[in-house]
Amino acid sequence: MTDLSGKQLGPYELIEPIGRGGMATVYRARQPSMEREVAIKIIADHLAADDEFMRRFQREAQIIAQLNHPHIVPVYDFGRDNGSAYLVMRLIEGGNLATELRREGSLPVARVLRLTRQIASALAYAHQRGIVHRDLKPTNILLDADGDAYLTDFGIAKMLGGQPTTGLTAEGSVMGTPTYMAPEQWRAEPVDGRTDIYALGVLIYQMLLGQVPFAAETPHGLMYQHLDVRPPAPHTIKPSLPASIEPVIDRALAKNREDRYPSALDLANDLERVLQTQAPGRLPEQTLFDEQQAVDSGVPLRPERDPNAEALDDEIERDLMARAGEDDDPDLQPTIPPTQPPHYAEVPTVGEPTLPAGQGYSAPPPPAYEPPVYEYQPEPVVETPYDVPPVEEPRDATMERALWIGGALVAGIVLIVIVVLLGSALIGGDDDPGSGGPTAPPATNTIPAELRPALTIQSPADNTQVSLGDPVTIDFSATDREGITRVELRRFNIPLDTLFVQNQARFDGEFTYTPDSTGSHTLDIIAFRNDIPGEPDTITLFVR
């Protein structure tokens, strides 16, 4: 595409290109009427003449324009000028997640949790409106100057209306970026929100470990791994991660989508639960045992990575992206030599270690019990010249009674302690920090209401009448002496929108709600301090 810097495109003044892909170029531009800078995505000239592609591109604009979420890049405008089609979006200048991953490798746990929560919130919002992204990957997650994530490029998303795909997506075609594609995408089957949850699982794995779970030198090899291979266990790559992370990753990357998380927020919640616990996931002797087992078997505990793993093979990527119908921006895809598949080490059970093949383990038999033998030794008889009867020593009855009472008291105290410990173990379950199991969340019903976050809806008034399809702004004020961390808008106890707050003692904010049906709409707004919710404030709207 010819450089259009300095040109006029509709009412916009193009300044400079800031991104380029196989299907479009993104420019920094100025919008004089609003006195602001924007990002303009201009499709390639050879695609502008393709009527089918233009319908798909216009569909992208219509879909994104319906989404109003703090972590989805908003679309301002769509137009055509002198044969060029363009999409006008908010300008976000912090780069993208792919750049951060190339620079940092694996990310700190706190950073992973923050990004996962923001991405999951955006996906859940889109899924509730029947929109599936279908191409979630690091280059489609933009970052602002504060490091917050924004989901962009719904170019191959589709509306779920219960009808077979027609027109915009050719039947049987494979669409997406191979490194992040779910098994159903490889099989060209219908997709739903759980397809995006699979891609989010790949992203979480990549952010935590600095590499993607599946990589190969050929498209066929990559497809085989997504369809049939379990990824390397995270602890074999990064032993500092708790073992409890593995069920979360396994469920997110389940081959059968019925086995995955039903919601992206459920995945984010489980990830926070297992990564924020202080309980150690593995004992030191477990890691040493795994490493010794790897040495004995001659198979490395962690697969060696190609030193050029950060670079993709251009020819393969172009071929894959051509099949996908998307741009050819590179994504991280480390290469695993086909002659040396990764070794998936099993986690040994504590106290019951498994040994290499051929070395059976048998515990030594306990020593035979032999009762002690007591030999009776009669007391020597002392002969006296007189027949004196034996004299019995008097017993102190008071002392003997005190000893019996003291022993009974000690036995009773021991019995009570045992009963209390057994009851705590049965009730507490895995709450023991040393057990390595998940920690139960705090029981909020035991926290007095005055110590939990408080929230009040300021406007509009309860039972306000509104029109179908008209956005309604709901203003609220939340307070908490230890600091608000997030506020959720819910309907039917399902989060519709989330605002994240940086531990503010008082937070005044607003939600925008667009009713999609007539009748009574009851909404709840809840303020949180970490995982502790406050009492919700409720508003009912009557939609005409």
Protein backbone atom coordinates (compact mmCIF):
# COMPACT_ATOMS: atom_id res chain seq x y z
CA MET A 1 0.00 0.00 0.00
CA THR A 2 1.27 3.47 -0.92
CA ASP A 3 2.28 5.69 2.00
CA LEU A 4 -0.57 8.17 2.50
CA SER A 5 1.13 10.33 5.14
CA GLY A 6 0.05 13.97 4.80
CA LYS A 7 -3.01 13.05 2.71
CA GLN A 8 -6.65 13.79 3.44
CA LEU A 9 -9.02 10.84 3.90
CA GLY A 10 -12.59 12.02 4.29
CA PRO A 11 -12.55 14.55 7.15
CA TYR A 12 -9.29 13.11 8.59
CA GLU A 13 -5.69 14.22 8.10
CA LEU A 14 -3.30 11.25 7.92
CA ILE A 15 -0.06 11.88 9.86
CA GLU A 16 2.06 8.70 9.75
CA PRO A 17 1.70 4.90 9.62
CA ILE A 18 1.95 3.19 13.01
CA GLY A 19 1.21 -0.42 12.03
CA ARG A 20 1.09 -2.56 8.93
CA GLY A 21 -0.27 -6.02 8.16
CA GLY A 22 -1.26 -8.14 5.21
CA MET A 23 -4.78 -6.74 4.99
CA ALA A 24 -4.50 -3.19 6.31
CA THR A 25 -2.30 -0.30 7.41
CA VAL A 26 -3.01 1.70 10.57
CA TYR A 27 -2.26 5.44 10.56
CA ARG A 28 -2.08 8.06 13.23
CA ALA A 29 -4.49 10.77 12.06
CA ARG A 30 -6.02 14.03 13.21
CA GLN A 31 -9.73 14.74 13.43
CA PRO A 32 -9.99 18.57 13.16
CA SER A 33 -13.67 18.72 14.12
CA MET A 34 -12.96 17.15 17.53
CA GLU A 35 -9.37 18.43 17.88
CA ARG A 36 -8.05 14.98 18.68
CA GLU A 37 -5.79 12.31 17.26
CA VAL A 38 -7.27 8.97 16.21
CA ALA A 39 -6.15 5.68 14.67
CA ILE A 40 -7.39 4.92 11.15
CA LYS A 41 -7.27 1.40 9.76
CA ILE A 42 -7.16 1.49 5.93
CA ILE A 43 -7.58 -1.79 4.08
CA ALA A 44 -5.11 -2.75 1.34
CA ASP A 45 -5.86 -1.63 -2.21
CA HIS A 46 -6.03 -5.17 -3.59
CA LEU A 47 -8.70 -6.03 -1.02
CA ALA A 48 -10.74 -2.85 -1.48
CA ALA A 49 -11.81 -4.15 -4.88
CA ASP A 50 -13.04 -7.44 -3.38
CA ASP A 51 -16.77 -7.03 -2.73
CA GLU A 52 -16.88 -10.10 -0.45
CA PHE A 53 -14.03 -8.79 1.67
CA MET A 54 -15.58 -5.32 1.81
CA ARG A 55 -18.80 -6.80 3.20
CA ARG A 56 -16.74 -8.52 5.87
CA PHE A 57 -14.83 -5.35 6.67
CA GLN A 58 -18.05 -3.35 7.00
CA ARG A 59 -19.40 -6.12 9.22
CA GLU A 60 -16.38 -5.61 11.49
CA ALA A 61 -17.24 -1.94 11.86
CA GLN A 62 -20.87 -2.68 12.67
CA ILE A 63 -19.97 -5.32 15.26
CA ILE A 64 -17.38 -3.26 17.15
CA ALA A 65 -19.59 -0.17 17.10
CA GLN A 66 -22.10 -2.11 19.25
CA LEU A 67 -19.51 -2.79 21.96
CA ASN A 68 -19.12 -0.27 24.78
CA HIS A 69 -16.64 -1.64 27.32
CA PRO A 70 -13.66 -0.06 29.10
CA HIS A 71 -11.27 -2.70 27.72
CA ILE A 72 -12.48 -2.86 24.11
CA VAL A 73 -11.07 -0.32 21.64
CA PRO A 74 -14.03 1.91 20.66
CA VAL A 75 -14.86 2.58 17.01
CA TYR A 76 -15.72 6.17 16.10
CA ASP A 77 -16.45 6.04 12.39
CA PHE A 78 -16.46 3.99 9.18
CA GLY A 79 -16.26 5.33 5.64
CA ARG A 80 -15.02 5.13 2.05
CA ASP A 81 -13.15 7.76 0.08
CA ASN A 82 -11.74 7.50 -3.45
CA GLY A 83 -11.89 3.72 -3.41
CA SER A 84 -10.33 3.38 0.04
CA ALA A 85 -12.25 1.93 2.99
CA TYR A 86 -11.28 2.88 6.51
CA LEU A 87 -12.20 2.35 10.14
CA VAL A 88 -11.63 5.13 12.73
CA MET A 89 -10.77 4.03 16.26
CA ARG A 90 -9.42 5.42 19.50
CA LEU A 91 -5.64 5.95 19.37
CA ILE A 92 -3.82 3.78 21.95
CA GLU A 93 -0.10 4.39 22.01
CA GLY A 94 1.36 1.87 24.44
CA GLY A 95 2.11 -0.84 21.87
CA ASN A 96 0.66 -4.35 22.18
CA LEU A 97 1.05 -7.43 24.34
CA ALA A 98 3.22 -9.19 21.74
CA THR A 99 5.86 -6.47 22.09
CA GLU A 100 5.84 -6.77 25.90
CA LEU A 101 6.17 -10.56 25.72
CA ARG A 102 9.11 -10.35 23.31
CA ARG A 103 10.80 -7.85 25.61
CA GLU A 104 10.08 -9.46 28.98
CA GLY A 105 9.54 -13.16 28.26
CA SER A 106 7.40 -14.40 31.15
CA LEU A 107 5.52 -11.73 33.10
CA PRO A 108 5.19 -11.28 36.89
CA VAL A 109 2.19 -13.02 38.43
CA ALA A 110 0.56 -9.71 39.45
CA ARG A 111 0.85 -8.46 35.86
CA VAL A 112 -0.63 -11.69 34.48
CA LEU A 113 -3.60 -11.48 36.85
CA ARG A 114 -4.26 -7.83 35.94
CA LEU A 115 -4.17 -8.46 32.18
CA THR A 116 -6.23 -11.66 32.47
CA ARG A 117 -8.95 -9.90 34.46
CA GLN A 118 -9.19 -7.07 31.91
CA ILE A 119 -9.20 -9.37 28.86
CA ALA A 120 -11.69 -11.78 30.48
CA SER A 121 -14.01 -8.89 31.36
CA ALA A 122 -14.00 -7.69 27.72
CA LEU A 123 -14.61 -11.21 26.37
CA ALA A 124 -17.44 -11.88 28.82
CA TYR A 125 -19.08 -8.61 27.77
CA ALA A 126 -18.86 -9.54 24.07
CA HIS A 127 -20.01 -13.13 24.64
CA GLN A 128 -23.13 -11.95 26.49
CA ARG A 129 -24.01 -10.08 23.30
CA GLY A 130 -23.46 -13.09 21.07
CA ILE A 131 -20.11 -11.91 19.67
CA VAL A 132 -17.11 -14.26 19.44
CA HIS A 133 -13.71 -12.72 18.70
CA ARG A 134 -12.20 -15.86 17.08
CA ASP A 135 -8.70 -14.34 16.74
CA LEU A 136 -7.51 -13.55 20.27
CA LYS A 137 -3.70 -13.18 20.23
CA PRO A 138 -1.02 -10.83 21.64
CA THR A 139 -1.03 -8.46 18.64
CA ASN A 140 -4.78 -7.93 19.07
CA ILE A 141 -4.36 -6.78 22.68
CA LEU A 142 -3.28 -3.13 22.74
CA LEU A 143 -1.75 -1.46 25.81
CA ASP A 144 -2.05 2.14 26.92
CA ALA A 145 0.56 4.19 28.76
CA ASP A 146 -0.61 2.74 32.10
CA GLY A 147 -0.26 -0.85 30.86
CA ASP A 148 -4.03 -1.49 30.68
CA ALA A 149 -5.24 -3.91 28.00
CA TYR A 150 -7.69 -3.15 25.18
CA LEU A 151 -9.13 -5.83 22.93
CA THR A 152 -9.17 -4.93 19.23
CA ASP A 153 -9.66 -6.41 15.76
CA PHE A 154 -12.93 -8.28 15.69
CA GLY A 155 -12.27 -8.70 11.96
CA ILE A 156 -13.29 -12.34 11.87
CA ALA A 157 -15.82 -12.26 14.68
CA LYS A 158 -19.36 -13.29 13.89
CA MET A 159 -22.77 -12.80 15.43
CA LEU A 160 -24.27 -15.96 16.90
CA GLY A 161 -27.82 -16.08 15.69
CA GLY A 162 -28.37 -19.83 15.56
CA GLN A 163 -28.08 -19.83 11.76
CA PRO A 164 -25.36 -21.60 9.76
CA THR A 165 -22.48 -19.40 8.63
CA THR A 166 -23.10 -17.95 5.19
CA GLY A 167 -21.61 -15.22 3.06
CA LEU A 168 -18.95 -13.71 5.27
CA THR A 169 -17.27 -17.01 6.18
CA ALA A 170 -16.90 -19.66 3.53
CA GLU A 171 -18.18 -23.08 4.61
CA GLY A 172 -15.34 -25.33 5.76
CA SER A 173 -12.75 -22.54 5.89
CA VAL A 174 -10.23 -22.27 8.74
CA MET A 175 -10.12 -18.81 10.30
CA GLY A 176 -7.83 -17.62 13.09
CA THR A 177 -4.15 -17.54 14.04
CA PRO A 178 -2.83 -21.15 14.29
CA THR A 179 -0.88 -20.76 17.54
CA TYR A 180 -4.07 -19.75 19.41
CA MET A 181 -6.73 -21.72 17.51
CA ALA A 182 -9.00 -24.10 19.43
CA PRO A 183 -9.51 -27.69 18.18
CA GLU A 184 -12.96 -26.85 16.82
CA GLN A 185 -11.43 -24.09 14.67
CA TRP A 186 -8.94 -26.55 13.15
CA ARG A 187 -11.88 -28.85 12.34
CA ALA A 188 -13.84 -25.89 10.84
CA GLU A 189 -16.69 -26.53 13.28
CA PRO A 190 -19.06 -23.88 14.71
CA VAL A 191 -17.57 -21.73 17.46
CA ASP A 192 -18.85 -20.05 20.61
CA GLY A 193 -17.45 -18.13 23.57
CA ARG A 194 -15.50 -21.17 24.78
CA THR A 195 -13.37 -20.90 21.62
CA ASP A 196 -12.10 -17.54 22.90
CA ILE A 197 -11.59 -19.07 26.36
CA TYR A 198 -9.20 -21.63 24.79
CA ALA A 199 -7.19 -18.80 23.19
CA LEU A 200 -7.17 -16.97 26.55
CA GLY A 201 -5.76 -20.14 28.13
CA VAL A 202 -2.93 -20.13 25.57
CA LEU A 203 -2.26 -16.46 26.40
CA ILE A 204 -2.17 -17.14 30.17
CA TYR A 205 0.26 -20.03 29.62
CA GLN A 206 2.46 -17.78 27.46
CA MET A 207 2.40 -14.86 29.93
CA LEU A 208 3.27 -17.09 32.91
CA LEU A 209 5.96 -19.25 31.25
CA GLY A 210 7.35 -17.14 28.38
CA GLN A 211 6.41 -19.72 25.73
CA VAL A 212 3.25 -21.01 24.11
CA PRO A 213 1.97 -24.50 25.01
CA PHE A 214 2.08 -25.82 21.44
CA ALA A 215 4.66 -25.16 18.72
CA ALA A 216 5.86 -27.02 15.65
CA GLU A 217 7.75 -26.46 12.41
CA THR A 218 4.83 -27.36 10.14
CA PRO A 219 1.12 -26.49 10.16
CA HIS A 220 0.24 -30.20 10.30
CA GLY A 221 2.42 -30.68 13.37
CA LEU A 222 0.85 -27.69 15.10
CA MET A 223 -2.66 -28.91 14.30
CA TYR A 224 -1.85 -32.37 15.69
CA GLN A 225 -0.72 -30.89 19.00
CA HIS A 226 -3.82 -28.73 19.41
CA LEU A 227 -6.05 -31.70 18.63
CA ASP A 228 -4.34 -34.53 20.53
CA VAL A 229 -1.41 -33.47 22.76
CA ARG A 230 -1.52 -32.29 26.34
CA PRO A 231 0.76 -29.26 26.90
CA PRO A 232 3.83 -29.53 29.15
CA ALA A 233 2.87 -29.14 32.80
CA PRO A 234 3.69 -25.59 33.97
CA HIS A 235 5.72 -26.80 36.97
CA THR A 236 8.15 -28.64 34.67
CA ILE A 237 9.02 -25.28 33.08
CA LYS A 238 8.68 -22.99 36.11
CA PRO A 239 8.84 -24.94 39.42
CA SER A 240 8.03 -21.79 41.42
CA LEU A 241 4.42 -21.91 40.19
CA PRO A 242 1.99 -23.75 42.51
CA ALA A 243 0.83 -27.20 41.42
CA SER A 244 -2.76 -25.95 41.79
CA ILE A 245 -2.31 -23.90 38.59
CA GLU A 246 -2.32 -27.05 36.47
CA PRO A 247 -6.06 -27.93 36.77
CA VAL A 248 -6.88 -24.34 35.76
CA ILE A 249 -4.68 -24.52 32.64
CA ASP A 250 -5.96 -28.02 31.80
CA ARG A 251 -9.58 -26.89 31.96
CA ALA A 252 -8.96 -23.75 29.87
CA LEU A 253 -7.16 -25.84 27.20
CA ALA A 254 -9.53 -28.80 27.22
CA LYS A 255 -9.80 -30.42 23.78
CA ASN A 256 -13.56 -30.77 24.19
CA ARG A 257 -15.11 -27.34 24.68
CA GLU A 258 -17.80 -28.85 26.92
CA ASP A 259 -15.01 -29.41 29.47
CA ARG A 260 -13.79 -25.78 29.40
CA TYR A 261 -14.84 -22.89 31.59
CA PRO A 262 -18.33 -21.63 30.70
CA SER A 263 -17.24 -18.00 31.17
CA ALA A 264 -13.99 -16.09 30.77
CA LEU A 265 -14.60 -14.50 34.18
CA ASP A 266 -14.78 -17.97 35.77
CA LEU A 267 -11.31 -18.66 34.36
CA ALA A 268 -9.99 -15.33 35.70
CA ASN A 269 -11.48 -15.99 39.14
CA ASP A 270 -9.90 -19.46 39.40
CA LEU A 271 -6.55 -18.11 38.22
CA GLU A 272 -6.60 -15.42 40.92
CA ARG A 273 -7.55 -17.97 43.57
CA VAL A 274 -4.66 -20.35 42.87
CA LEU A 275 -1.99 -17.70 42.25
CA GLN A 276 -2.83 -15.47 45.21
CA THR A 277 -2.71 -18.30 47.78
CA GLN A 278 0.37 -18.42 49.98
CA ALA A 279 0.41 -22.22 50.24
CA PRO A 280 3.41 -23.85 48.53
CA GLY A 281 2.37 -25.92 45.51
CA ARG A 282 5.32 -28.33 45.64
CA LEU A 283 7.71 -29.52 48.27
CA PRO A 284 11.45 -29.17 47.55
CA GLU A 285 11.91 -32.94 47.61
CA GLN A 286 9.30 -33.31 44.86
CA THR A 287 11.27 -31.09 42.50
CA LEU A 288 14.53 -32.86 43.37
CA PHE A 289 12.87 -36.21 42.74
CA ASP A 290 11.61 -35.08 39.31
CA GLU A 291 15.06 -33.77 38.37
CA GLN A 292 16.78 -37.00 39.48
CA GLN A 293 14.22 -39.04 37.58
CA ALA A 294 14.92 -36.98 34.46
CA VAL A 295 18.68 -37.56 34.85
CA ASP A 296 18.21 -41.31 35.33
CA SER A 297 15.90 -41.61 32.33
CA GLY A 298 18.08 -39.45 30.07
CA VAL A 299 15.11 -37.25 29.13
CA PRO A 300 15.45 -33.54 30.03
CA LEU A 301 12.89 -32.26 32.53
CA ARG A 302 12.23 -29.19 30.37
CA PRO A 303 12.29 -29.27 26.56
CA GLU A 304 15.18 -27.29 25.13
CA ARG A 305 14.11 -24.27 23.12
CA ASP A 306 15.52 -23.30 19.78
CA PRO A 307 17.72 -20.17 20.25
CA ASN A 308 15.78 -18.60 17.36
CA ALA A 309 12.42 -19.44 18.96
CA GLU A 310 11.24 -15.80 18.90
CA ALA A 311 11.24 -15.67 15.07
CA LEU A 312 8.61 -17.41 12.96
CA ASP A 313 9.35 -18.96 9.62
CA ASP A 314 8.01 -16.31 7.23
CA GLU A 315 6.91 -18.72 4.54
CA ILE A 316 4.95 -20.89 6.98
CA GLU A 317 3.36 -17.88 8.63
CA ARG A 318 2.26 -16.41 5.29
CA ASP A 319 0.74 -19.73 4.35
CA LEU A 320 -1.08 -20.07 7.67
CA MET A 321 -2.32 -16.50 7.66
CA ALA A 322 -3.50 -16.80 4.09
CA ARG A 323 -5.59 -19.76 5.14
CA ALA A 324 -6.81 -17.80 8.13
CA GLY A 325 -7.76 -14.76 6.10
CA GLU A 326 -6.11 -12.45 8.63
CA ASP A 327 -3.07 -10.17 8.65
CA ASP A 328 0.41 -11.64 8.91
CA ASP A 329 1.60 -9.83 12.02
CA PRO A 330 4.09 -12.17 13.73
CA ASP A 331 3.17 -13.80 17.04
CA LEU A 332 5.46 -15.61 19.44
CA GLN A 333 5.75 -19.27 18.44
CA PRO A 334 8.85 -21.05 19.78
CA THR A 335 9.96 -24.00 17.71
CA ILE A 336 10.25 -27.50 19.19
CA PRO A 337 12.50 -29.88 17.16
CA PRO A 338 10.24 -32.64 15.80
CA THR A 339 12.79 -35.32 16.70
CA GLN A 340 12.60 -34.49 20.41
CA PRO A 341 9.04 -34.11 21.72
CA PRO A 342 8.57 -32.40 25.07
CA HIS A 343 8.77 -34.57 28.15
CA TYR A 344 5.70 -34.42 30.36
CA ALA A 345 6.81 -35.37 33.87
CA GLU A 346 4.16 -36.70 36.21
CA VAL A 347 3.91 -35.09 39.64
CA PRO A 348 4.73 -37.80 42.21
CA THR A 349 2.42 -38.22 45.15
CA VAL A 350 3.91 -36.98 48.41
CA GLY A 351 5.00 -39.95 50.52
CA GLU A 352 4.54 -42.46 47.66
CA PRO A 353 7.33 -41.72 45.18
CA THR A 354 7.43 -43.58 41.90
CA LEU A 355 10.79 -44.92 40.82
CA PRO A 356 12.14 -45.47 37.30
CA ALA A 357 11.01 -48.63 35.54
CA GLY A 358 12.58 -51.79 36.92
CA GLN A 359 13.17 -50.41 40.38
CA GLY A 360 10.21 -51.47 42.46
CA TYR A 361 9.74 -49.99 45.85
CA SER A 362 8.88 -52.13 48.87
CA ALA A 363 8.84 -50.87 52.39
CA PRO A 364 10.92 -52.86 54.90
CA PRO A 365 8.75 -55.17 57.07
CA PRO A 366 8.12 -53.92 60.58
CA PRO A 367 10.08 -55.72 63.29
CA ALA A 368 8.24 -58.63 64.87
CA TYR A 369 6.70 -57.80 68.16
CA GLU A 370 8.26 -59.65 71.06
CA PRO A 371 6.64 -59.14 74.44
CA PRO A 372 9.09 -58.40 77.23
CA VAL A 373 9.87 -61.26 79.55
CA TYR A 374 9.71 -60.53 83.22
CA GLU A 375 11.41 -62.97 85.56
CA TYR A 376 10.06 -63.20 89.06
CA GLN A 377 12.79 -62.63 91.61
CA PRO A 378 11.62 -63.37 95.12
CA GLU A 379 12.82 -61.00 97.74
CA PRO A 380 15.53 -62.41 99.89
CA VAL A 381 14.36 -63.71 103.25
CA VAL A 382 16.12 -62.14 106.16
CA GLU A 383 16.29 -64.40 109.07
CA THR A 384 15.81 -62.78 112.47
CA PRO A 385 16.21 -64.35 115.79
CA TYR A 386 12.66 -63.36 116.63
CA ASP A 387 9.43 -64.19 114.83
CA VAL A 388 8.42 -60.60 113.97
CA PRO A 389 5.38 -60.18 111.67
CA PRO A 390 5.98 -57.99 108.55
CA VAL A 391 5.03 -54.37 108.99
CA GLU A 392 3.06 -52.72 106.10
CA GLU A 393 3.96 -49.14 105.25
CA PRO A 394 0.93 -46.83 105.56
CA ARG A 395 -0.40 -45.32 102.31
CA ASP A 396 -1.17 -41.67 101.91
CA ALA A 397 -4.80 -41.91 100.73
CA THR A 398 -5.06 -38.17 100.02
CA MET A 399 -2.05 -38.19 97.70
CA GLU A 400 -3.31 -41.25 95.81
CA ARG A 401 -6.73 -39.62 95.27
CA ALA A 402 -5.09 -36.41 93.97
CA LEU A 403 -3.01 -38.37 91.48
CA TRP A 404 -6.11 -40.15 90.14
CA ILE A 405 -8.03 -36.87 89.78
CA GLY A 406 -5.07 -35.16 88.05
CA GLY A 407 -4.68 -38.03 85.61
CA ALA A 408 -8.38 -37.95 84.77
CA LEU A 409 -8.26 -34.19 84.13
CA VAL A 410 -5.24 -34.52 81.82
CA ALA A 411 -6.92 -37.34 79.89
CA GLY A 412 -10.07 -35.26 79.50
CA ILE A 413 -8.16 -32.23 78.19
CA VAL A 414 -6.28 -34.40 75.68
CA LEU A 415 -9.56 -35.93 74.48
CA ILE A 416 -11.14 -32.48 74.01
CA VAL A 417 -8.12 -31.25 72.01
CA ILE A 418 -8.28 -34.32 69.75
CA VAL A 419 -12.01 -33.81 69.10
CA VAL A 420 -11.49 -30.11 68.28
CA LEU A 421 -8.62 -30.88 65.88
CA LEU A 422 -10.61 -33.60 64.11
CA GLY A 423 -13.61 -31.28 63.78
CA SER A 424 -11.44 -28.50 62.37
CA ALA A 425 -9.89 -30.87 59.85
CA LEU A 426 -13.29 -32.09 58.68
CA ILE A 427 -14.71 -28.58 58.40
CA GLY A 428 -11.64 -26.73 57.14
CA GLY A 429 -10.74 -29.22 54.40
CA ASP A 430 -7.92 -27.79 52.34
CA ASP A 431 -7.63 -24.56 54.31
CA ASP A 432 -4.36 -25.74 55.85
CA PRO A 433 -1.65 -23.54 54.20
CA GLY A 434 0.73 -26.47 54.11
CA SER A 435 -1.63 -28.82 52.32
CA GLY A 436 -1.04 -27.27 48.93
CA GLY A 437 -4.80 -27.25 48.26
CA PRO A 438 -6.96 -24.27 47.42
CA THR A 439 -7.83 -21.84 50.19
CA ALA A 440 -11.52 -21.18 50.74
CA PRO A 441 -12.54 -17.57 50.14
CA PRO A 442 -13.35 -15.51 53.22
CA ALA A 443 -16.91 -15.80 54.42
CA THR A 444 -18.26 -12.34 53.77
CA ASN A 445 -21.41 -13.02 55.81
CA THR A 446 -19.22 -12.96 58.93
CA ILE A 447 -17.94 -9.46 58.15
CA PRO A 448 -20.22 -6.73 59.53
CA ALA A 449 -21.87 -4.59 56.88
CA GLU A 450 -20.23 -1.43 58.20
CA LEU A 451 -16.78 -2.96 57.51
CA ARG A 452 -17.62 -3.85 53.89
CA PRO A 453 -17.72 -1.53 50.87
CA ALA A 454 -20.83 0.67 50.61
CA LEU A 455 -22.44 1.88 47.38
CA THR A 456 -25.33 4.19 46.58
CA ILE A 457 -26.94 4.77 43.18
CA GLN A 458 -27.30 8.53 42.67
CA SER A 459 -29.30 8.61 39.45
CA PRO A 460 -31.61 7.93 37.76
CA ALA A 461 -34.41 7.41 40.24
CA ASP A 462 -35.76 3.93 40.84
CA ASN A 463 -38.63 2.86 38.55
CA THR A 464 -37.59 5.36 35.86
CA GLN A 465 -39.20 4.77 32.45
CA VAL A 466 -36.84 4.58 29.46
CA SER A 467 -37.12 3.77 25.77
CA LEU A 468 -35.95 0.53 24.18
CA GLY A 469 -32.44 0.88 22.75
CA ASP A 470 -31.67 4.24 24.42
CA PRO A 471 -28.50 4.19 26.57
CA VAL A 472 -29.10 4.93 30.26
CA THR A 473 -26.31 6.44 32.39
CA ILE A 474 -26.35 5.15 35.98
CA ASP A 475 -24.33 7.31 38.39
CA PHE A 476 -23.16 5.84 41.68
CA SER A 477 -20.91 6.60 44.64
CA ALA A 478 -18.90 3.89 46.46
CA THR A 479 -16.87 4.16 49.69
CA ASP A 480 -14.63 1.88 51.71
CA ARG A 481 -12.08 2.87 54.30
CA GLU A 482 -9.53 0.32 53.00
CA GLY A 483 -10.10 1.14 49.33
CA ILE A 484 -12.42 0.08 46.50
CA THR A 485 -10.78 -2.26 43.93
CA ARG A 486 -13.63 -2.82 41.44
CA VAL A 487 -17.32 -2.17 40.84
CA GLU A 488 -19.64 -4.52 38.92
CA LEU A 489 -22.94 -3.93 37.14
CA ARG A 490 -25.08 -7.08 37.24
CA ARG A 491 -28.38 -8.36 35.98
CA PHE A 492 -29.72 -11.75 37.05
CA ASN A 493 -26.46 -11.94 39.08
CA ILE A 494 -24.46 -11.99 35.81
CA PRO A 495 -21.75 -9.30 35.48
CA LEU A 496 -22.56 -6.98 32.57
CA ASP A 497 -19.75 -4.47 33.10
CA THR A 498 -16.79 -3.97 35.46
CA LEU A 499 -14.88 -0.86 36.48
CA PHE A 500 -11.45 -1.40 38.08
CA VAL A 501 -10.34 1.01 40.81
CA GLN A 502 -6.92 1.51 42.38
CA ASN A 503 -7.82 1.12 46.08
CA GLN A 504 -9.75 4.41 46.38
CA ALA A 505 -11.53 5.16 49.63
CA ARG A 506 -14.23 6.98 47.63
CA PHE A 507 -15.08 6.37 44.00
CA ASP A 508 -17.74 8.18 41.97
CA GLY A 509 -18.44 6.51 38.65
CA GLU A 510 -21.07 5.60 36.11
CA PHE A 511 -22.24 2.66 34.00
CA THR A 512 -23.99 2.92 30.65
CA TYR A 513 -26.78 0.37 30.20
CA THR A 514 -28.64 -0.13 26.92
CA PRO A 515 -31.85 -2.16 27.40
CA ASP A 516 -32.40 -4.80 24.72
CA SER A 517 -36.01 -5.73 25.54
CA THR A 518 -39.15 -4.13 26.90
CA GLY A 519 -40.44 -4.67 30.40
CA SER A 520 -38.88 -4.41 33.84
CA HIS A 521 -35.06 -4.44 34.04
CA THR A 522 -33.63 -4.82 37.56
CA LEU A 523 -29.92 -4.04 37.87
CA ASP A 524 -27.51 -4.47 40.79
CA ILE A 525 -24.30 -2.49 41.35
CA ILE A 526 -21.79 -4.01 43.78
CA ALA A 527 -18.52 -2.53 45.07
CA PHE A 528 -15.62 -4.85 45.96
CA ARG A 529 -12.54 -4.62 48.15
CA ASN A 530 -10.48 -7.41 46.58
CA ASP A 531 -12.81 -10.44 46.96
CA ILE A 532 -15.02 -8.89 49.66
CA PRO A 533 -18.29 -7.56 48.19
CA GLY A 534 -20.41 -4.86 49.69
CA GLU A 535 -24.18 -4.81 49.84
CA PRO A 536 -25.57 -4.26 46.30
CA ASP A 537 -27.69 -1.24 45.49
CA THR A 538 -30.54 -2.00 43.11
CA ILE A 539 -32.34 0.03 40.49
CA THR A 540 -35.34 -0.99 38.36
CA LEU A 541 -35.95 0.50 34.91
CA PHE A 542 -39.22 0.16 32.99
CA VAL A 543 -38.49 -0.12 29.27
CA ARG A 544 -41.17 1.02 26.79
